[in-house]
Amino acid sequence: MKKDHAHTYRGRSLKNWPHRQRLKEIHSVIRREELAGKSDLAYADFGCGTGFLTNIVADELNPAKVYGFDHSEHLEVAREKYPSFEFGFIELNERSDVGKFDFVTCFETLEHVGDLENRHEQPAERDERRRHPAPDGSHRDRTGRLLAKTILYRYRLDELAGGESSGFYFRYLLSLLLYRDMSTYRDERFGWGTHFGFDCRRIDEYLDSRNIRFRARNAVTTRFYQIKP
């Protein structure tokens, strides 16, 4: 089963500290954009999982409608926990039309999607009714993240091309230190379980190429994107 981030966002240990900082960023965007309490607001969360973060955002927004989209078995859990929300299946590697929304979030998701074109283009084209600041949980894959994931979480690099070979860890570390394009470590595939090999500069380049205005900010191991129409 896909990881339930309710545990990582509630945990008070040091290794969960970056997740708590992400929640603070979510709240700050909502306050800065003065979005809370708008009676006709439609909110959608892409990669909603069990709906834990969807519910946290919805509690602060108090929107008229809440939607969650995911492709995992967690959708059944989400429907049971939050019956007032509308949850639906989506595969971000494929184009689909699920409607238009005023506010969109996407946490802990983009780094696991394989198709760069679809994973960025769909949210940008769907949600045009008014405004959609979208703090994004995509990660800045640098040295600190590598060390934290491999030491604290015991993650491995074996999902990457050549990840099981001798000396690969140090080659990967060197690439991070030299600020190389980490996406070269990923081969062509539909989706990814690992966070490694994801390079947020590919998102920057894509948004720039489409003349999409965005604000980006790095906080701890996370790079947040805020996009407006």
Foldseek 3Di string as FASTA:
>chain_A
DPDDCVPLLPDPDPLSVVSVVVVVVLVVVCVVVVQAPDEAFEEEEEQCQLVPVQVVSCVRRVYNAYEYEEADPSQVNNCVVCVRHHYDYDQQLDDDADAEGAEYEYAPPPLWFQRPCSNQPRVVPHYAPFWYWYWYHQWADADVVLCSCCPVVVDAPVVWVCRVPPPPSVVLNVCRVVVHQLLVRHDHDGTHPDSGSDHCVSVVVVCVVVVWDWDWDDDRGGITITGTD
